[in-house]
Amino acid sequence: MKNKLTQNIILIFFEKDFSKKTQALFHKWFRLDNEQNEKDQVLAEIWESSPSNITAQTLDDFEKIQKIISGNTRKNTRISFRRIISYAAVIATLIISTVLLTNRFGNGTSPELSQLSVSYGEKQKITLEDGTTVTVNAGSTLIFPKEFNGKTRTVFLTGEAIFNVAKNPAKPFIVKTGHLSVTALGTKFNLQSYPNSDITKATLIEGSVKVDVDTDTNNSYILKPDNQLSYSHTSHKISISDIDATKLASWEEGYLIFQDVSFDEIVNTLERKYNVVINYDSNRLKQQSYYVKFGPDESVRDVMDILCLLTHHSSYRIEGTTIYFYYNN
């Protein structure tokens, strides 16, 4: 009976549009630890019973569901959100393979696809068929054709990756995310587009790239080395700033170097690297930005000790894979 009630609540919510207040209440209920097994089971059943006939409308439906799922997710419980993302990734894979690639290659059939999904706490490096190397960060999914037979070399990314693109002027290399596309002929760049983040970032390390933003169809943006383009999903603001791209990309070697970033972004990155959940009061620190470096050999306790020094009058405790970060005054 309880499982049926949970299913009805989730189905009703996904099928209709509600006010922000109602959505906030749903997000709060969905993130509670109680009835979590039922919620996971319902999501699995919804996915298994979904129709296999995918149309262009499916993409719009997925984007709507993705927004509903993401909502105003905050750090008081992150485990539930991670579980949901696994289902969203499966849906995204199906949509990409049956709609986007078919339209792009224009021959009515999709190329054979491969998917690389990297768990929290890990990162993986892969060499594509054309010689391009991609380092995929924790909590990310890369979808790519086994062979680049079309006019472009197009891949799809959710999360973060560093692309070292093999040169081929006759066949542009394109990385598509949920909000922008990056086109390169032969270059190296970092792309970050996590589904639970409000910002997508493209950072050029070497060469040159062209960035197209879905909401700005009139302009393309050419980046130079150390340029970082940031796109806000909510305000639709596009900004280009100068950073040290080599330092940003040092996560490939195990380092984490943050340059003028929010505390939220630091926490999100640490959660992915160490496969933990960090609970904290985000409102307390949202007006500040930070510069900090973590080495590849530093443990999660070492990192939390440094965060306490950065924020002053704070402490933490670790319970399994959950960290509680709080203030002493």
Protein backbone atom coordinates (compact mmCIF):
# COMPACT_ATOMS: atom_id res chain seq x y z
CA MET A 1 0.00 0.00 0.00
CA LYS A 2 2.78 2.39 0.95
CA ASN A 3 4.64 1.59 -2.29
CA LYS A 4 1.49 2.32 -4.31
CA LEU A 5 1.12 5.68 -2.58
CA THR A 6 4.73 6.56 -3.34
CA GLN A 7 4.23 5.61 -6.99
CA ASN A 8 1.13 7.74 -7.31
CA ILE A 9 2.86 10.78 -5.81
CA ILE A 10 5.84 10.50 -8.17
CA LEU A 11 3.73 9.82 -11.27
CA ILE A 12 1.37 12.70 -10.56
CA PHE A 13 4.25 15.07 -9.99
CA PHE A 14 6.12 14.09 -13.17
CA GLU A 15 3.02 14.36 -15.33
CA LYS A 16 1.90 17.86 -14.33
CA ASP A 17 3.27 21.36 -13.83
CA PHE A 18 3.09 22.76 -10.32
CA SER A 19 3.86 26.04 -8.59
CA LYS A 20 7.35 26.62 -7.21
CA LYS A 21 5.99 26.23 -3.68
CA THR A 22 4.48 22.84 -4.48
CA GLN A 23 7.66 21.74 -6.27
CA ALA A 24 9.72 22.75 -3.24
CA LEU A 25 7.51 20.61 -0.99
CA PHE A 26 7.89 17.66 -3.36
CA HIS A 27 11.67 18.04 -3.47
CA LYS A 28 11.79 18.11 0.33
CA TRP A 29 9.69 14.94 0.59
CA PHE A 30 11.62 13.16 -2.16
CA ARG A 31 14.98 13.81 -0.50
CA LEU A 32 13.90 12.45 2.89
CA ASP A 33 15.54 9.15 3.80
CA ASN A 34 12.26 7.47 4.71
CA GLU A 35 10.64 5.27 2.06
CA GLN A 36 13.84 5.49 -0.01
CA ASN A 37 13.67 1.85 -1.11
CA GLU A 38 10.12 2.41 -2.34
CA LYS A 39 11.19 5.53 -4.22
CA ASP A 40 14.07 3.70 -5.90
CA GLN A 41 11.77 0.83 -6.87
CA VAL A 42 9.17 3.17 -8.30
CA LEU A 43 11.76 5.00 -10.41
CA ALA A 44 13.00 1.67 -11.74
CA GLU A 45 9.45 0.54 -12.54
CA ILE A 46 8.67 3.84 -14.30
CA TRP A 47 11.76 3.42 -16.42
CA GLU A 48 11.08 -0.23 -17.25
CA SER A 49 7.47 0.51 -18.22
CA SER A 50 8.33 3.54 -20.36
CA PRO A 51 7.35 3.20 -24.03
CA SER A 52 10.18 2.18 -26.35
CA ASN A 53 8.92 4.38 -29.19
CA ILE A 54 11.01 7.53 -28.87
CA THR A 55 10.06 10.70 -30.75
CA ALA A 56 11.39 14.23 -30.88
CA GLN A 57 8.85 15.09 -28.17
CA THR A 58 10.71 12.71 -25.86
CA LEU A 59 13.63 15.10 -25.72
CA ASP A 60 11.40 17.93 -24.52
CA ASP A 61 9.79 15.60 -21.98
CA PHE A 62 13.19 14.54 -20.69
CA GLU A 63 14.37 18.11 -20.30
CA LYS A 64 11.21 18.91 -18.33
CA ILE A 65 11.68 15.89 -16.07
CA GLN A 66 15.36 16.74 -15.62
CA LYS A 67 14.42 20.21 -14.40
CA ILE A 68 11.80 18.79 -12.06
CA ILE A 69 14.26 16.25 -10.69
CA SER A 70 17.01 18.84 -10.23
CA GLY A 71 14.70 21.38 -8.64
CA ASN A 72 16.30 23.25 -5.76
CA THR A 73 18.36 20.29 -4.56
CA ARG A 74 20.47 21.28 -1.60
CA LYS A 75 23.10 19.61 0.52
CA ASN A 76 20.98 18.41 3.41
CA THR A 77 20.62 15.06 1.60
CA ARG A 78 22.44 14.33 -1.65
CA ILE A 79 22.17 10.54 -1.76
CA SER A 80 18.65 10.51 -3.19
CA PHE A 81 19.60 12.90 -5.98
CA ARG A 82 22.51 10.72 -7.05
CA ARG A 83 20.20 7.72 -7.33
CA ILE A 84 17.80 9.68 -9.51
CA ILE A 85 20.60 10.84 -11.80
CA SER A 86 21.36 7.23 -12.74
CA TYR A 87 17.85 6.89 -14.19
CA ALA A 88 18.10 10.27 -15.90
CA ALA A 89 21.38 9.20 -17.51
CA VAL A 90 19.76 6.06 -18.93
CA ILE A 91 16.90 8.10 -20.38
CA ALA A 92 19.34 10.62 -21.81
CA THR A 93 21.33 7.84 -23.47
CA LEU A 94 18.26 6.46 -25.18
CA ILE A 95 17.13 9.87 -26.37
CA ILE A 96 20.54 10.78 -27.73
CA SER A 97 20.95 7.51 -29.59
CA THR A 98 17.49 7.48 -31.16
CA VAL A 99 16.78 11.16 -31.82
CA LEU A 100 19.81 13.42 -31.86
CA LEU A 101 22.21 11.13 -33.68
CA THR A 102 19.61 10.06 -36.23
CA ASN A 103 18.87 13.68 -37.05
CA ARG A 104 22.51 14.64 -37.23
CA PHE A 105 23.69 11.85 -39.49
CA GLY A 106 20.53 12.12 -41.56
CA ASN A 107 20.46 8.56 -42.87
CA GLY A 108 17.58 7.28 -40.75
CA THR A 109 19.81 4.93 -38.77
CA SER A 110 21.98 5.63 -35.78
CA PRO A 111 25.65 4.67 -35.62
CA GLU A 112 26.71 2.07 -33.09
CA LEU A 113 27.21 3.87 -29.80
CA SER A 114 29.40 3.33 -26.78
CA GLN A 115 28.83 4.78 -23.34
CA LEU A 116 31.41 5.44 -20.65
CA SER A 117 29.96 6.21 -17.22
CA VAL A 118 32.38 7.06 -14.42
CA SER A 119 31.33 6.57 -10.81
CA TYR A 120 31.96 8.99 -7.96
CA GLY A 121 35.47 8.59 -6.60
CA GLU A 122 36.91 7.62 -10.00
CA LYS A 123 38.10 9.04 -13.32
CA GLN A 124 38.89 7.28 -16.59
CA LYS A 125 40.84 8.03 -19.76
CA ILE A 126 39.74 6.75 -23.15
CA THR A 127 41.03 7.01 -26.72
CA LEU A 128 38.35 7.43 -29.37
CA GLU A 129 38.43 5.93 -32.85
CA ASP A 130 39.97 9.08 -34.40
CA GLY A 131 42.82 9.26 -31.86
CA THR A 132 41.19 11.88 -29.64
CA THR A 133 41.84 11.23 -25.95
CA VAL A 134 39.23 12.05 -23.32
CA THR A 135 39.72 12.06 -19.56
CA VAL A 136 36.28 11.67 -17.98
CA ASN A 137 35.83 12.93 -14.43
CA ALA A 138 33.83 11.40 -11.57
CA GLY A 139 30.05 11.35 -11.90
CA SER A 140 30.19 11.83 -15.69
CA THR A 141 28.89 10.05 -18.78
CA LEU A 142 30.38 10.22 -22.29
CA ILE A 143 28.42 8.86 -25.25
CA PHE A 144 30.24 8.44 -28.55
CA PRO A 145 30.04 6.50 -31.86
CA LYS A 146 32.39 3.57 -32.18
CA GLU A 147 33.30 4.96 -35.60
CA PHE A 148 33.07 8.54 -36.87
CA ASN A 149 31.45 7.87 -40.23
CA GLY A 150 29.52 11.12 -40.60
CA LYS A 151 30.56 14.62 -41.61
CA THR A 152 31.41 15.50 -38.01
CA ARG A 153 32.89 13.75 -35.00
CA THR A 154 30.05 14.28 -32.53
CA VAL A 155 29.99 13.07 -28.92
CA PHE A 156 27.74 13.84 -25.95
CA LEU A 157 28.77 14.68 -22.40
CA THR A 158 27.06 14.89 -19.05
CA GLY A 159 29.50 15.89 -16.32
CA GLU A 160 33.13 16.91 -16.87
CA ALA A 161 35.90 15.84 -19.23
CA ILE A 162 39.14 17.03 -20.80
CA PHE A 163 39.25 16.58 -24.58
CA ASN A 164 42.59 16.39 -26.41
CA VAL A 165 41.25 16.45 -29.96
CA ALA A 166 43.09 14.75 -32.82
CA LYS A 167 43.50 17.13 -35.76
CA ASN A 168 41.24 16.63 -38.75
CA PRO A 169 40.29 19.92 -40.44
CA ALA A 170 37.89 18.11 -42.80
CA LYS A 171 35.82 16.66 -39.95
CA PRO A 172 35.08 18.98 -36.99
CA PHE A 173 34.96 17.46 -33.51
CA ILE A 174 31.80 18.51 -31.64
CA VAL A 175 30.94 17.98 -27.99
CA LYS A 176 27.28 18.54 -27.13
CA THR A 177 25.89 19.07 -23.65
CA GLY A 178 22.42 19.95 -22.46
CA HIS A 179 23.02 23.67 -23.02
CA LEU A 180 25.92 24.27 -25.42
CA SER A 181 28.12 22.78 -28.12
CA VAL A 182 31.89 23.06 -28.47
CA THR A 183 33.42 22.68 -31.94
CA ALA A 184 37.13 22.03 -32.45
CA LEU A 185 39.41 20.91 -35.26
CA GLY A 186 42.39 19.94 -33.13
CA THR A 187 42.84 21.36 -29.65
CA LYS A 188 42.56 20.72 -25.92
CA PHE A 189 39.77 21.95 -23.67
CA ASN A 190 37.91 21.23 -20.44
CA LEU A 191 34.11 21.03 -20.46
CA GLN A 192 31.96 20.89 -17.34
CA SER A 193 28.20 20.32 -17.50
CA TYR A 194 26.88 18.45 -14.47
CA PRO A 195 23.08 18.03 -14.33
CA ASN A 196 22.90 19.27 -10.73
CA SER A 197 24.87 22.43 -11.48
CA ASP A 198 23.39 25.76 -12.56
CA ILE A 199 26.39 26.58 -14.77
CA THR A 200 28.02 24.98 -17.79
CA LYS A 201 31.68 25.92 -18.34
CA ALA A 202 33.95 25.53 -21.36
CA THR A 203 37.64 26.28 -20.75
CA LEU A 204 40.27 26.35 -23.49
CA ILE A 205 43.70 24.93 -22.68
CA GLU A 206 45.33 24.91 -26.12
CA GLY A 207 44.38 25.97 -29.66
CA SER A 208 40.98 27.44 -30.45
CA VAL A 209 37.33 26.38 -30.13
CA LYS A 210 33.93 27.69 -31.12
CA VAL A 211 31.16 27.61 -28.51
CA ASP A 212 27.49 27.79 -29.39
CA VAL A 213 24.89 28.30 -26.67
CA ASP A 214 21.41 26.88 -27.28
CA THR A 215 19.62 30.03 -26.07
CA ASP A 216 21.77 32.38 -28.15
CA THR A 217 21.30 31.29 -31.74
CA ASN A 218 22.59 34.57 -33.18
CA ASN A 219 26.14 34.35 -31.83
CA SER A 220 29.08 31.97 -31.66
CA TYR A 221 31.95 32.51 -29.24
CA ILE A 222 35.59 31.89 -30.17
CA LEU A 223 37.78 31.10 -27.18
CA LYS A 224 41.50 31.69 -26.83
CA PRO A 225 43.78 29.75 -24.46
CA ASP A 226 42.92 30.45 -20.78
CA ASN A 227 39.46 31.74 -21.75
CA GLN A 228 36.55 30.25 -19.82
CA LEU A 229 32.99 30.64 -21.06
CA SER A 230 30.32 30.26 -18.36
CA TYR A 231 26.63 29.89 -19.11
CA SER A 232 23.97 30.21 -16.40
CA HIS A 233 21.03 27.87 -16.95
CA THR A 234 18.67 30.10 -14.96
CA SER A 235 19.60 33.65 -15.94
CA HIS A 236 20.90 32.59 -19.42
CA LYS A 237 23.82 34.94 -18.84
CA ILE A 238 26.97 34.23 -20.85
CA SER A 239 30.34 35.46 -19.59
CA ILE A 240 33.94 34.96 -20.68
CA SER A 241 36.76 35.32 -18.16
CA ASP A 242 40.49 34.62 -18.04
CA ILE A 243 41.75 31.86 -15.75
CA ASP A 244 44.75 29.56 -15.57
CA ALA A 245 43.38 26.70 -17.66
CA THR A 246 46.33 24.42 -16.87
CA LYS A 247 45.59 24.65 -13.17
CA LEU A 248 41.90 23.98 -13.77
CA ALA A 249 42.74 20.87 -15.78
CA SER A 250 45.10 19.56 -13.11
CA TRP A 251 42.28 17.34 -11.80
CA GLU A 252 43.44 14.98 -14.55
CA GLU A 253 46.58 14.40 -12.46
CA GLY A 254 44.69 14.21 -9.17
CA TYR A 255 45.04 17.85 -8.10
CA LEU A 256 42.12 20.14 -7.36
CA ILE A 257 42.84 23.84 -7.87
CA PHE A 258 39.93 26.23 -7.36
CA GLN A 259 40.15 29.78 -8.66
CA ASP A 260 37.55 32.29 -7.51
CA VAL A 261 34.79 29.72 -7.05
CA SER A 262 31.89 29.37 -4.64
CA PHE A 263 31.87 27.10 -1.62
CA ASP A 264 29.08 25.13 -3.30
CA GLU A 265 31.32 24.34 -6.27
CA ILE A 266 34.14 23.20 -3.99
CA VAL A 267 31.79 20.89 -2.10
CA ASN A 268 30.26 19.46 -5.28
CA THR A 269 33.72 18.63 -6.61
CA LEU A 270 34.89 17.07 -3.35
CA GLU A 271 31.76 14.92 -3.16
CA ARG A 272 32.47 13.53 -6.61
CA LYS A 273 36.17 12.92 -6.02
CA TYR A 274 35.87 11.28 -2.60
CA ASN A 275 32.43 9.69 -3.11
CA VAL A 276 30.97 11.32 0.00
CA VAL A 277 27.99 13.47 0.91
CA ILE A 278 28.75 16.76 2.64
CA ASN A 279 25.91 18.37 4.60
CA TYR A 280 26.26 22.08 5.34
CA ASP A 281 24.41 25.39 5.42
CA SER A 282 24.94 26.77 1.92
CA ASN A 283 23.34 30.14 2.70
CA ARG A 284 26.04 30.89 5.24
CA LEU A 285 28.80 30.96 2.62
CA LYS A 286 27.07 31.76 -0.66
CA GLN A 287 28.39 35.33 -0.90
CA GLN A 288 32.05 34.35 -0.73
CA SER A 289 34.51 32.97 -3.28
CA TYR A 290 37.64 30.95 -2.64
CA TYR A 291 41.08 30.10 -3.96
CA VAL A 292 42.41 26.78 -2.71
CA LYS A 293 44.54 23.84 -3.86
CA PHE A 294 44.31 20.19 -2.84
CA GLY A 295 46.99 17.66 -3.69
CA PRO A 296 46.42 14.17 -5.13
CA ASP A 297 47.51 12.41 -1.93
CA GLU A 298 45.35 14.37 0.50
CA SER A 299 42.68 12.37 2.28
CA VAL A 300 39.14 13.55 2.80
CA ARG A 301 40.06 14.43 6.40
CA ASP A 302 42.98 16.53 5.16
CA VAL A 303 40.62 18.35 2.81
CA MET A 304 38.01 18.97 5.51
CA ASP A 305 40.70 20.34 7.84
CA ILE A 306 41.63 22.87 5.16
CA LEU A 307 38.00 23.84 4.61
CA CYS A 308 37.68 24.54 8.33
CA LEU A 309 40.69 26.86 8.13
CA LEU A 310 39.18 28.64 5.13
CA THR A 311 35.79 29.25 6.69
CA HIS A 312 36.83 29.95 10.33
CA HIS A 313 34.92 28.87 13.43
CA SER A 314 33.80 25.65 11.76
CA SER A 315 34.27 21.95 12.37
CA TYR A 316 33.07 18.62 11.00
CA ARG A 317 32.38 15.02 11.81
CA ILE A 318 32.46 11.99 9.53
CA GLU A 319 29.95 9.16 9.73
CA GLY A 320 30.75 6.57 7.07
CA THR A 321 30.47 8.34 3.72
CA THR A 322 28.52 11.28 5.15
CA ILE A 323 30.26 14.42 6.41
CA TYR A 324 28.55 17.01 8.62
CA PHE A 325 30.11 20.45 8.31
CA TYR A 326 28.87 22.98 10.84
CA TYR A 327 29.73 26.24 12.59
CA ASN A 328 30.75 26.74 16.18
CA ASN A 329 29.06 30.10 16.70
